[in-house]
């Protein structure tokens, strides 16, 4: 492979997951369109390579996780030997990669001896523990926006000026004599227009790296979807979210949103559609940017007349006037909102401040305005939920169906695998009814090696144990799918498959089942895994809708 200044590498959640034949991942990866080893790299790779390439830094993207899925016999060590770079960057953005990212970092250091740099929100949170306990990591780029920081760091490393790294903000590193230094998280830009991804550059980098090695996730070519990051930060405080206002403000020092102009979002949109006819997801709730902002953006989008799906998400139900604007954005505009619970008291306590009536009004307005698809997402593992009180989710869905028949759909998944470090619930767990099983990065790495998905959870609540959270998840799915079948949203075949998969999943939950090959052999395990991984969403919805990009 061509000589590079920087190789960006994405690792699987667990390395080497191929040796963990009897792990039952269950529904823990239903939050993104990837396999249970989370083979999707952060969207920040695109903006990073764009920024660096424009400044003469030759980069490559290598999705080792996706390659391991698509080619089960790939020799990872041999693959790394073929990546010739001066510096290797590995994302530890989502904590679910805490095992794989560090194992791959160790392998890269052993094979190449070159500098290994980590980046991402989880590595920012755990920077000191990483540098103290994992000597194969040389430095960590901190914060939610790292493009200029990475550029400065690469320049210093190129010149061998290790002692001058103290001049660069937002990094933590180890000196030649083993001391750990932290330069402070000071670079938190409020304007992001100059840092947007340039897709002509992204395509060039992917071709250089090899398309099969640089896919965003393993099934991207079969079910592509793209995203436009609208802003960074948040104005809401969902208890277990590591992207909440509390977390961004206290941990990542972002006191206000990092924003792109409507014209910048439109340029990203155009560049994507020129190269790929695929659905585009505008990430984050545009309502926080104001009606005038939405009006400008939708006017620009409507001028393109693209025949493709455009997705908008909401944190709270939008008023009719906002829906009227969004309806003009494209011929096919789909909407998404996460009520989290059918119980509005539980929802509001968790951090979603709206009532069931507000949700119904939104659905009714959307139906009247001609939106063809509205997806709702619910979660199990919230404070106040029990094994039994999640069951009414089905009847609640039927109520919502009456407001927007043949338009609304709903999905449910556990809060998994982790209550996010940095979130309110992580820092004040007892106050909000959570008990944590892991606090350090090392603790979380160990959890990821558990045999069963609910044993990977880093929490339980005062209302449910981890095993009960699993049972509540199955109860909620069972309730929801019965109601979907009742209103005709799913057919008999799919309904039967889901009910059977729930029965199989409950078998997996029995103590000792995964240790008994006589009771459940691997050839029996595989179809169970396959069914259980898909039962929370109807067929392609898992691939198309639940795509949660972060920077």
Protein backbone atom coordinates (compact mmCIF):
# COMPACT_ATOMS: atom_id res chain seq x y z
CA UNK A 1 0.00 0.00 0.00
CA UNK A 2 1.10 3.55 -0.69
CA UNK A 3 3.16 5.42 1.88
CA UNK A 4 0.97 7.65 4.04
CA UNK A 5 1.47 10.40 6.58
CA UNK A 6 -1.54 9.17 8.58
CA UNK A 7 -3.54 5.94 8.53
CA UNK A 8 -6.92 6.08 10.26
CA UNK A 9 -7.97 2.66 11.56
CA UNK A 10 -11.32 1.48 12.88
CA UNK A 11 -11.31 -1.60 15.12
CA UNK A 12 -14.11 -3.98 16.05
CA UNK A 13 -15.76 -3.74 19.44
CA UNK A 14 -14.03 -6.91 20.64
CA UNK A 15 -10.76 -8.18 19.22
CA UNK A 16 -10.69 -10.91 18.08
CA UNK A 17 -14.49 -11.38 18.04
CA UNK A 18 -14.05 -14.34 15.67
CA UNK A 19 -12.77 -16.44 18.58
CA UNK A 20 -15.81 -15.70 20.75
CA UNK A 21 -18.09 -18.24 19.11
CA UNK A 22 -20.62 -18.49 21.91
CA UNK A 23 -21.22 -14.83 22.62
CA UNK A 24 -24.89 -13.87 22.35
CA UNK A 25 -24.89 -10.18 21.43
CA UNK A 26 -28.66 -9.89 21.35
CA UNK A 27 -29.96 -6.42 20.43
CA UNK A 28 -27.03 -4.29 21.65
CA UNK A 29 -25.94 -3.08 18.21
CA UNK A 30 -29.38 -2.12 16.94
CA UNK A 31 -28.51 1.55 17.41
CA UNK A 32 -26.37 1.65 14.25
CA UNK A 33 -26.39 -0.18 10.91
CA UNK A 34 -23.55 -2.52 11.76
CA UNK A 35 -22.83 -5.98 13.01
CA UNK A 36 -22.68 -6.57 16.79
CA UNK A 37 -18.96 -5.82 16.61
CA UNK A 38 -19.86 -2.22 15.69
CA UNK A 39 -18.05 -2.07 12.37
CA UNK A 40 -19.09 1.52 11.51
CA UNK A 41 -16.43 4.18 11.93
CA UNK A 42 -17.25 7.74 13.08
CA UNK A 43 -18.33 10.28 10.48
CA UNK A 44 -15.49 12.44 11.81
CA UNK A 45 -13.10 10.40 9.68
CA UNK A 46 -14.49 12.22 6.63
CA UNK A 47 -13.98 15.74 7.93
CA UNK A 48 -10.55 14.82 9.29
CA UNK A 49 -9.16 13.46 6.03
CA UNK A 50 -10.69 16.42 4.15
CA UNK A 51 -8.94 18.95 6.38
CA UNK A 52 -5.60 17.16 6.37
CA UNK A 53 -5.49 16.37 2.65
CA UNK A 54 -6.14 20.03 1.79
CA UNK A 55 -2.99 20.83 3.77
CA UNK A 56 -0.78 18.26 2.12
CA UNK A 57 -1.16 15.40 4.62
CA UNK A 58 -1.55 12.09 2.80
CA UNK A 59 -4.13 9.96 4.57
CA UNK A 60 -5.85 6.59 4.38
CA UNK A 61 -8.94 5.03 5.98
CA UNK A 62 -8.91 1.36 7.00
CA UNK A 63 -12.02 -0.23 8.46
CA UNK A 64 -10.48 -3.36 9.90
CA UNK A 65 -13.73 -4.25 11.67
CA UNK A 66 -15.73 -4.29 8.42
CA UNK A 67 -12.97 -6.19 6.66
CA UNK A 68 -13.05 -8.86 9.37
CA UNK A 69 -16.81 -9.22 8.85
CA UNK A 70 -16.66 -9.41 5.06
CA UNK A 71 -13.55 -11.62 5.01
CA UNK A 72 -13.59 -13.91 8.08
CA UNK A 73 -10.19 -15.36 7.14
CA UNK A 74 -8.36 -12.05 6.88
CA UNK A 75 -5.03 -11.96 8.71
CA UNK A 76 -5.21 -8.69 10.63
CA UNK A 77 -1.51 -8.59 11.51
CA UNK A 78 -0.60 -9.07 7.86
CA UNK A 79 -3.07 -6.35 6.87
CA UNK A 80 -1.49 -3.90 9.31
CA UNK A 81 1.98 -4.70 7.94
CA UNK A 82 0.72 -3.63 4.52
CA UNK A 83 -0.41 -0.21 5.79
CA UNK A 84 2.69 1.94 5.47
CA UNK A 85 2.26 5.16 7.44
CA UNK A 86 4.26 7.54 9.57
CA UNK A 87 1.50 7.81 12.18
CA UNK A 88 -1.50 5.60 12.99
CA UNK A 89 -4.74 7.06 14.31
CA UNK A 90 -7.34 4.81 15.96
CA UNK A 91 -10.80 5.93 17.02
CA UNK A 92 -12.04 5.22 20.51
CA UNK A 93 -15.16 7.29 20.12
CA UNK A 94 -17.88 4.92 21.30
CA UNK A 95 -16.98 3.14 24.53
CA UNK A 96 -18.15 -0.13 23.03
CA UNK A 97 -14.77 -0.11 21.20
CA UNK A 98 -12.76 0.02 24.40
CA UNK A 99 -11.57 -3.55 23.94
CA UNK A 100 -10.95 -3.69 20.20
CA UNK A 101 -9.46 -0.22 19.77
CA UNK A 102 -6.76 -0.79 22.38
CA UNK A 103 -5.97 -4.31 21.20
CA UNK A 104 -5.52 -3.05 17.65
CA UNK A 105 -3.46 -0.12 18.96
CA UNK A 106 -1.19 -2.60 20.73
CA UNK A 107 -0.87 -4.69 17.57
CA UNK A 108 -0.04 -1.65 15.46
CA UNK A 109 2.67 -0.56 17.90
CA UNK A 110 4.19 -4.06 18.03
CA UNK A 111 4.28 -4.37 14.25
CA UNK A 112 5.24 -0.86 13.16
CA UNK A 113 6.84 0.83 16.16
CA UNK A 114 5.37 4.09 14.85
CA UNK A 115 3.38 6.68 16.86
CA UNK A 116 -0.14 5.57 17.78
CA UNK A 117 -2.71 8.31 18.37
CA UNK A 118 -6.22 7.84 19.79
CA UNK A 119 -9.17 10.19 19.36
CA UNK A 120 -12.88 10.35 20.11
CA UNK A 121 -15.18 11.17 22.99
CA UNK A 122 -14.47 8.02 25.03
CA UNK A 123 -10.71 8.40 24.72
CA UNK A 124 -11.15 12.04 25.75
CA UNK A 125 -13.00 10.98 28.89
CA UNK A 126 -10.48 8.27 29.81
CA UNK A 127 -7.30 9.92 28.53
CA UNK A 128 -5.37 9.66 31.79
CA UNK A 129 -6.19 6.00 32.40
CA UNK A 130 -5.20 5.13 28.83
CA UNK A 131 -1.82 6.83 29.02
CA UNK A 132 -1.09 5.42 32.49
CA UNK A 133 -2.04 1.80 31.72
CA UNK A 134 -1.58 1.31 27.99
CA UNK A 135 1.99 2.28 27.05
CA UNK A 136 1.51 1.51 23.34
CA UNK A 137 -0.65 4.64 23.02
CA UNK A 138 1.58 7.68 22.52
CA UNK A 139 -0.94 10.51 22.50
CA UNK A 140 -4.66 11.29 22.57
CA UNK A 141 -6.36 14.06 20.63
CA UNK A 142 -9.10 15.43 22.86
CA UNK A 143 -12.52 16.95 22.28
CA UNK A 144 -15.31 16.83 19.73
CA UNK A 145 -13.43 18.76 17.03
CA UNK A 146 -9.86 17.73 16.29
CA UNK A 147 -8.98 18.56 12.67
CA UNK A 148 -6.58 21.51 13.31
CA UNK A 149 -5.22 19.78 16.41
CA UNK A 150 -4.37 16.65 14.46
CA UNK A 151 -2.67 18.75 11.79
CA UNK A 152 -0.46 20.53 14.32
CA UNK A 153 0.36 17.25 16.05
CA UNK A 154 1.41 15.58 12.80
CA UNK A 155 3.65 18.51 11.93
CA UNK A 156 5.45 18.29 15.28
CA UNK A 157 5.83 14.51 15.04
CA UNK A 158 7.19 14.83 11.49
CA UNK A 159 9.94 17.11 12.78
CA UNK A 160 10.59 15.00 15.88
CA UNK A 161 9.64 17.89 18.15
CA UNK A 162 8.07 15.81 20.91
CA UNK A 163 8.90 18.30 23.62
CA UNK A 164 7.05 21.05 21.74
CA UNK A 165 3.71 19.26 21.90
CA UNK A 166 2.92 21.35 24.96
CA UNK A 167 2.26 24.22 22.56
CA UNK A 168 -0.73 22.39 21.05
CA UNK A 169 -4.08 22.50 22.88
CA UNK A 170 -6.39 19.49 23.26
CA UNK A 171 -3.80 16.75 23.54
CA UNK A 172 -2.55 14.40 26.24
CA UNK A 173 0.71 12.57 25.64
CA UNK A 174 3.60 10.71 27.15
CA UNK A 175 7.06 12.27 27.05
CA UNK A 176 10.24 10.35 26.26
CA UNK A 177 10.95 9.97 29.98
CA UNK A 178 7.47 8.53 30.58
CA UNK A 179 5.77 11.57 32.09
CA UNK A 180 2.14 12.22 31.17
CA UNK A 181 1.28 15.70 29.95
CA UNK A 182 -2.09 17.36 29.34
CA UNK A 183 -2.28 20.65 27.44
CA UNK A 184 -5.87 21.49 28.33
CA UNK A 185 -9.07 21.21 26.35
CA UNK A 186 -9.13 24.72 24.93
CA UNK A 187 -10.07 24.41 21.26
CA UNK A 188 -13.88 24.18 21.06
CA UNK A 189 -14.94 26.06 17.92
CA UNK A 190 -18.41 27.56 17.66
CA UNK A 191 -18.28 27.81 13.85
CA UNK A 192 -17.74 24.58 11.91
CA UNK A 193 -18.15 25.66 8.29
CA UNK A 194 -14.43 25.44 7.47
CA UNK A 195 -14.25 21.96 8.96
CA UNK A 196 -16.94 20.27 6.89
CA UNK A 197 -16.13 17.10 4.92
CA UNK A 198 -15.25 17.54 1.23
CA UNK A 199 -16.55 14.48 -0.56
CA UNK A 200 -14.30 14.74 -3.60
CA UNK A 201 -11.41 14.34 -1.15
CA UNK A 202 -13.16 11.58 0.79
CA UNK A 203 -13.68 9.56 -2.38
CA UNK A 204 -10.02 10.03 -3.36
CA UNK A 205 -8.86 8.79 0.06
CA UNK A 206 -11.18 5.78 -0.05
CA UNK A 207 -9.94 4.80 -3.51
CA UNK A 208 -6.34 5.21 -2.37
CA UNK A 209 -6.98 2.98 0.66
CA UNK A 210 -8.97 0.44 -1.34
CA UNK A 211 -12.75 0.62 -1.43
CA UNK A 212 -13.25 -2.73 0.30
CA UNK A 213 -10.96 -1.60 3.12
CA UNK A 214 -12.49 1.84 3.60
CA UNK A 215 -16.23 1.10 3.61
CA UNK A 216 -18.08 2.99 6.38
CA UNK A 217 -19.46 -0.39 7.51
CA UNK A 218 -19.52 -3.92 6.15
CA UNK A 219 -22.87 -3.79 4.32
CA UNK A 220 -22.59 -0.21 3.09
CA UNK A 221 -22.61 -1.16 -0.59
CA UNK A 222 -25.80 -3.16 -0.13
CA UNK A 223 -27.64 -0.66 2.09
CA UNK A 224 -25.96 2.74 1.80
CA UNK A 225 -27.06 5.72 3.82
CA UNK A 226 -25.26 9.00 4.33
CA UNK A 227 -25.42 11.76 6.91
CA UNK A 228 -24.96 15.47 7.34
CA UNK A 229 -23.88 16.55 10.81
CA UNK A 230 -25.88 19.72 11.46
CA UNK A 231 -24.18 20.84 14.67
CA UNK A 232 -22.15 19.64 17.65
CA UNK A 233 -23.35 19.76 21.22
CA UNK A 234 -26.85 19.52 22.64
CA UNK A 235 -29.40 21.60 24.54
CA UNK A 236 -31.08 18.61 26.23
CA UNK A 237 -30.07 16.49 29.23
CA UNK A 238 -31.15 12.88 28.74
CA UNK A 239 -29.86 11.09 31.82
CA UNK A 240 -27.72 8.33 30.29
CA UNK A 241 -26.54 10.19 27.18
CA UNK A 242 -22.86 10.96 26.69
CA UNK A 243 -23.83 13.62 24.17
CA UNK A 244 -26.04 15.63 26.53
CA UNK A 245 -25.68 19.30 27.37
CA UNK A 246 -24.24 18.30 30.76
CA UNK A 247 -21.58 16.08 29.19
CA UNK A 248 -20.60 18.48 26.44
CA UNK A 249 -20.40 21.39 28.86
CA UNK A 250 -18.65 19.72 31.80
CA UNK A 251 -16.51 17.06 30.12
CA UNK A 252 -15.85 18.39 26.62
CA UNK A 253 -15.94 22.11 27.49
CA UNK A 254 -18.52 22.92 24.81
CA UNK A 255 -20.59 25.67 26.39
CA UNK A 256 -22.57 26.41 23.23
CA UNK A 257 -23.38 24.59 20.03
CA UNK A 258 -20.87 24.29 17.22
CA UNK A 259 -22.87 25.31 14.16
CA UNK A 260 -22.68 25.19 10.37
CA UNK A 261 -24.55 27.66 8.19
CA UNK A 262 -27.53 26.38 6.17
CA UNK A 263 -25.49 26.98 3.02
CA UNK A 264 -22.75 24.68 4.35
CA UNK A 265 -25.21 21.86 5.03
CA UNK A 266 -26.58 22.32 1.52
CA UNK A 267 -23.10 22.06 0.01
CA UNK A 268 -22.53 18.78 1.86
CA UNK A 269 -25.89 17.55 0.64
CA UNK A 270 -25.07 18.40 -2.96
CA UNK A 271 -21.64 16.81 -2.84
CA UNK A 272 -23.11 13.59 -1.46
CA UNK A 273 -25.93 13.40 -4.02
CA UNK A 274 -23.52 14.03 -6.89
CA UNK A 275 -21.62 10.88 -5.94
CA UNK A 276 -24.15 8.54 -4.36
CA UNK A 277 -27.89 8.13 -4.74
CA UNK A 278 -28.63 7.12 -1.16
CA UNK A 279 -30.81 8.34 1.71
CA UNK A 280 -29.45 11.32 3.62
CA UNK A 281 -29.93 11.73 7.36
CA UNK A 282 -29.70 15.25 8.80
CA UNK A 283 -28.37 14.49 12.26
CA UNK A 284 -29.75 16.36 15.31
CA UNK A 285 -32.91 18.37 15.84
CA UNK A 286 -32.81 21.50 13.69
CA UNK A 287 -35.43 23.17 15.88
CA UNK A 288 -32.74 24.37 18.28
CA UNK A 289 -31.29 26.48 15.43
CA UNK A 290 -34.56 28.35 14.93
CA UNK A 291 -37.32 28.61 12.35
CA UNK A 292 -35.39 31.03 10.12
CA UNK A 293 -32.50 28.56 9.89
CA UNK A 294 -34.86 25.72 8.91
CA UNK A 295 -36.58 27.96 6.37
CA UNK A 296 -33.27 28.79 4.67
CA UNK A 297 -32.13 25.17 4.59
CA UNK A 298 -35.36 23.72 3.27
CA UNK A 299 -35.54 26.38 0.56
CA UNK A 300 -32.09 25.35 -0.62
CA UNK A 301 -32.90 21.64 -0.47
CA UNK A 302 -36.13 22.06 -2.39
CA UNK A 303 -34.24 23.76 -5.22
CA UNK A 304 -32.34 20.54 -5.95
CA UNK A 305 -35.36 18.34 -6.72
CA UNK A 306 -33.54 15.15 -5.76
CA UNK A 307 -35.58 11.94 -5.81
CA UNK A 308 -34.17 10.37 -2.68
CA UNK A 309 -35.11 9.91 0.96
CA UNK A 310 -34.25 12.70 3.36
CA UNK A 311 -34.50 12.07 7.11
CA UNK A 312 -34.97 14.62 9.87
CA UNK A 313 -34.93 13.79 13.58
CA UNK A 314 -36.52 15.57 16.51
CA UNK A 315 -35.78 15.66 20.22
CA UNK A 316 -39.21 17.14 20.94
CA UNK A 317 -42.31 17.14 18.69
CA UNK A 318 -42.17 20.01 16.18
CA UNK A 319 -45.04 22.46 15.64
CA UNK A 320 -47.04 22.30 12.43
CA UNK A 321 -45.26 25.32 10.94
CA UNK A 322 -41.89 23.51 11.18
CA UNK A 323 -43.37 20.41 9.57
CA UNK A 324 -44.72 22.55 6.72
CA UNK A 325 -41.19 23.78 6.03
CA UNK A 326 -39.57 20.35 6.19
CA UNK A 327 -42.18 18.87 3.90
CA UNK A 328 -40.79 21.05 1.10
CA UNK A 329 -37.24 19.73 1.47
CA UNK A 330 -37.67 16.77 -0.90
CA UNK A 331 -40.25 14.55 -2.51
CA UNK A 332 -39.66 11.89 0.13
CA UNK A 333 -39.16 13.28 3.63
CA UNK A 334 -39.12 10.86 6.56
CA UNK A 335 -39.24 11.83 10.21
CA UNK A 336 -37.81 10.30 13.37
CA UNK A 337 -38.34 10.92 17.09
CA UNK A 338 -37.41 8.99 20.23
CA UNK A 339 -40.11 9.17 22.92
CA UNK A 340 -38.05 6.56 24.85
CA UNK A 341 -41.10 5.48 26.92
CA UNK A 342 -44.85 5.24 26.45
CA UNK A 343 -45.14 6.53 30.03
CA UNK A 344 -44.82 10.30 29.81
CA UNK A 345 -43.68 10.64 33.44
CA UNK A 346 -40.78 8.25 32.82
CA UNK A 347 -40.03 10.03 29.53
CA UNK A 348 -39.96 13.50 31.08
CA UNK A 349 -37.87 12.32 34.04
CA UNK A 350 -35.34 10.80 31.62
CA UNK A 351 -34.97 14.08 29.73
CA UNK A 352 -37.54 14.11 26.92
CA UNK A 353 -39.81 17.00 28.03
CA UNK A 354 -43.12 16.40 26.26
CA UNK A 355 -46.45 14.70 26.81
CA UNK A 356 -48.21 11.91 24.96
CA UNK A 357 -50.72 14.44 23.69
CA UNK A 358 -47.93 16.52 22.14
CA UNK A 359 -46.63 13.39 20.43
CA UNK A 360 -50.08 12.55 19.06
CA UNK A 361 -50.59 16.08 17.78
CA UNK A 362 -47.25 15.87 15.94
CA UNK A 363 -48.21 12.57 14.31
CA UNK A 364 -51.61 13.88 13.29
CA UNK A 365 -50.11 17.02 11.73
CA UNK A 366 -47.45 15.01 9.91
CA UNK A 367 -50.06 12.67 8.47
CA UNK A 368 -52.22 15.57 7.29
CA UNK A 369 -49.21 17.19 5.61
CA UNK A 370 -48.45 14.07 3.60
CA UNK A 371 -45.32 12.68 5.31
CA UNK A 372 -45.05 9.03 4.28
CA UNK A 373 -42.99 7.67 7.15
CA UNK A 374 -42.53 8.51 10.83
CA UNK A 375 -40.34 6.27 13.00
CA UNK A 376 -40.52 6.22 16.79
CA UNK A 377 -37.86 4.74 19.07
CA UNK A 378 -38.42 3.42 22.58
CA UNK A 379 -35.89 2.28 25.16
CA UNK A 380 -35.80 -0.25 28.00
CA UNK A 381 -33.65 0.36 31.08
CA UNK A 382 -34.89 3.79 32.10
CA UNK A 383 -35.54 4.85 35.71
CA UNK A 384 -39.00 3.76 36.81
CA UNK A 385 -39.42 0.99 34.25
CA UNK A 386 -40.16 -2.56 35.43
CA UNK A 387 -40.51 -5.93 33.77
CA UNK A 388 -44.27 -5.51 33.68
CA UNK A 389 -44.88 -1.79 33.15
CA UNK A 390 -43.19 -1.83 29.75
CA UNK A 391 -45.89 -4.12 28.30
CA UNK A 392 -48.40 -1.32 27.45
CA UNK A 393 -46.04 -0.15 24.69
CA UNK A 394 -48.11 -2.22 22.26
CA UNK A 395 -51.44 -0.62 23.13
CA UNK A 396 -49.76 2.80 23.09
CA UNK A 397 -48.54 2.11 19.58
CA UNK A 398 -52.10 1.29 18.55
CA UNK A 399 -53.19 4.69 19.89
CA UNK A 400 -50.46 6.38 17.84
CA UNK A 401 -51.41 4.34 14.79
CA UNK A 402 -54.87 5.89 14.92
CA UNK A 403 -53.28 9.33 14.55
CA UNK A 404 -51.14 8.38 11.54
CA UNK A 405 -52.28 5.03 10.08
CA UNK A 406 -49.96 3.40 7.53
CA UNK A 407 -47.36 6.06 8.30
CA UNK A 408 -46.10 5.57 11.85
CA UNK A 409 -43.80 2.74 12.89
CA UNK A 410 -42.09 2.02 16.22
CA UNK A 411 -39.05 0.15 17.46
CA UNK A 412 -37.77 -0.77 20.91
CA UNK A 413 -34.31 -1.66 22.20
CA UNK A 414 -32.50 -1.78 25.52
CA UNK A 415 -30.29 1.02 26.77
CA UNK A 416 -27.21 -0.92 25.83
CA UNK A 417 -24.54 -1.72 26.39
CA UNK A 418 -23.51 1.21 28.59
CA UNK A 419 -24.82 4.17 30.50
CA UNK A 420 -22.40 6.63 28.89
CA UNK A 421 -19.42 7.79 30.93
CA UNK A 422 -19.75 11.54 31.30
CA UNK A 423 -23.54 11.42 31.38
CA UNK A 424 -25.59 12.68 34.30
CA UNK A 425 -26.60 9.14 35.26
CA UNK A 426 -22.97 7.99 35.21
CA UNK A 427 -21.83 10.75 37.54
CA UNK A 428 -24.92 10.77 39.77
CA UNK A 429 -26.02 7.16 39.42
CA UNK A 430 -27.56 6.69 42.88
CA UNK A 431 -29.58 9.89 42.62
CA UNK A 432 -31.31 8.63 39.48
CA UNK A 433 -31.76 5.01 40.51
CA UNK A 434 -28.82 3.43 38.67
CA UNK A 435 -26.24 1.01 40.01
CA UNK A 436 -23.06 0.86 37.92
CA UNK A 437 -20.96 -2.26 37.38
CA UNK A 438 -18.11 -0.41 35.69
CA UNK A 439 -16.44 2.92 36.17
CA UNK A 440 -12.99 2.64 34.62
CA UNK A 441 -12.08 1.92 31.02
CA UNK A 442 -10.60 -1.41 32.09
CA UNK A 443 -13.88 -2.35 33.80
CA UNK A 444 -15.78 -1.72 30.57
CA UNK A 445 -13.28 -3.72 28.53
CA UNK A 446 -13.96 -6.72 30.76
CA UNK A 447 -17.74 -6.35 30.43
CA UNK A 448 -17.49 -6.56 26.65
CA UNK A 449 -16.16 -10.12 26.98
CA UNK A 450 -19.30 -11.36 28.76
CA UNK A 451 -21.12 -14.33 27.25
CA UNK A 452 -24.56 -12.74 27.06
CA UNK A 453 -25.63 -9.28 25.97
CA UNK A 454 -27.32 -8.26 29.21
CA UNK A 455 -24.20 -9.25 31.17
CA UNK A 456 -22.35 -6.63 29.10
CA UNK A 457 -24.55 -3.86 30.54
CA UNK A 458 -22.63 -1.56 32.85
CA UNK A 459 -25.73 -0.83 34.90
CA UNK A 460 -28.88 -2.01 36.52
CA UNK A 461 -31.60 0.14 38.06
CA UNK A 462 -33.28 0.05 41.47
CA UNK A 463 -36.33 -1.26 39.61
CA UNK A 464 -34.63 -3.97 37.49
CA UNK A 465 -31.56 -6.18 37.54
CA UNK A 466 -29.66 -6.78 34.31
CA UNK A 467 -31.45 -10.08 33.81
CA UNK A 468 -34.78 -8.32 34.37
CA UNK A 469 -33.82 -5.63 31.85
CA UNK A 470 -33.41 -8.43 29.32
CA UNK A 471 -36.81 -9.89 30.23
CA UNK A 472 -38.40 -6.43 30.06
CA UNK A 473 -36.89 -5.96 26.61
CA UNK A 474 -38.42 -9.21 25.41
CA UNK A 475 -41.77 -8.27 26.98
CA UNK A 476 -41.76 -4.90 25.25
CA UNK A 477 -40.81 -6.39 21.89
CA UNK A 478 -43.50 -9.05 22.24
CA UNK A 479 -46.13 -6.43 23.10
CA UNK A 480 -45.10 -4.14 20.25
CA UNK A 481 -44.92 -6.81 17.58
CA UNK A 482 -48.34 -8.18 18.51
CA UNK A 483 -49.84 -4.73 18.03
CA UNK A 484 -47.97 -4.23 14.75
CA UNK A 485 -49.41 -7.51 13.53
CA UNK A 486 -52.88 -6.51 14.73
CA UNK A 487 -52.91 -3.28 12.70
CA UNK A 488 -51.45 -5.01 9.66
CA UNK A 489 -48.01 -3.40 9.69
CA UNK A 490 -46.22 -6.77 9.64
CA UNK A 491 -47.32 -10.01 7.99
CA UNK A 492 -47.93 -13.43 9.54
CA UNK A 493 -44.52 -14.80 8.53
CA UNK A 494 -42.56 -11.99 10.11
CA UNK A 495 -44.75 -11.96 13.21
CA UNK A 496 -44.18 -15.69 13.75
CA UNK A 497 -40.42 -15.32 13.24
CA UNK A 498 -40.22 -12.56 15.85
CA UNK A 499 -42.26 -14.45 18.44
CA UNK A 500 -40.09 -17.51 17.92
CA UNK A 501 -36.93 -15.43 18.22
CA UNK A 502 -38.13 -14.03 21.55
CA UNK A 503 -38.66 -17.56 22.81
CA UNK A 504 -35.16 -18.49 21.71
CA UNK A 505 -33.71 -15.35 23.27
CA UNK A 506 -35.33 -16.24 26.58
CA UNK A 507 -33.66 -19.65 26.39
CA UNK A 508 -30.34 -17.87 25.98
CA UNK A 509 -31.05 -15.98 29.20
CA UNK A 510 -31.19 -19.12 31.31
CA UNK A 511 -28.18 -19.56 33.64
CA UNK A 512 -25.46 -21.73 32.14
CA UNK A 513 -27.06 -22.08 28.72
CA UNK A 514 -24.08 -20.63 26.90
CA UNK A 515 -21.67 -22.96 28.64
CA UNK A 516 -23.58 -26.06 27.64
CA UNK A 517 -22.70 -27.08 24.10
CA UNK A 518 -24.82 -30.17 24.53
CA UNK A 519 -27.88 -28.03 25.25
CA UNK A 520 -27.28 -25.47 22.51
CA UNK A 521 -24.69 -26.19 19.84
CA UNK A 522 -23.01 -23.58 17.67
CA UNK A 523 -24.99 -24.56 14.59
CA UNK A 524 -28.10 -23.91 16.68
CA UNK A 525 -26.67 -20.71 18.12
CA UNK A 526 -26.01 -19.05 14.76
CA UNK A 527 -29.61 -18.77 13.56
CA UNK A 528 -30.64 -17.60 17.02
CA UNK A 529 -28.05 -14.84 16.90
CA UNK A 530 -29.16 -13.89 13.41
CA UNK A 531 -32.84 -13.71 14.31
CA UNK A 532 -32.36 -11.97 17.64
CA UNK A 533 -30.17 -9.31 16.07
CA UNK A 534 -32.93 -8.38 13.65
CA UNK A 535 -36.11 -8.86 15.64
CA UNK A 536 -36.31 -5.33 16.96
CA UNK A 537 -36.78 -3.78 13.52
CA UNK A 538 -38.58 -4.85 10.37
CA UNK A 539 -36.07 -6.04 7.82
CA UNK A 540 -34.27 -3.07 6.27
CA UNK A 541 -35.20 -0.53 8.94
CA UNK A 542 -32.17 -1.62 10.99
CA UNK A 543 -29.94 -0.88 8.01
CA UNK A 544 -31.60 2.35 6.93
CA UNK A 545 -32.99 4.25 9.91
CA UNK A 546 -31.00 3.59 13.07
CA UNK A 547 -27.89 5.30 11.77
CA UNK A 548 -26.55 7.43 14.58
CA UNK A 549 -23.62 9.37 13.21
CA UNK A 550 -21.45 11.33 15.58
CA UNK A 551 -18.54 13.54 14.78
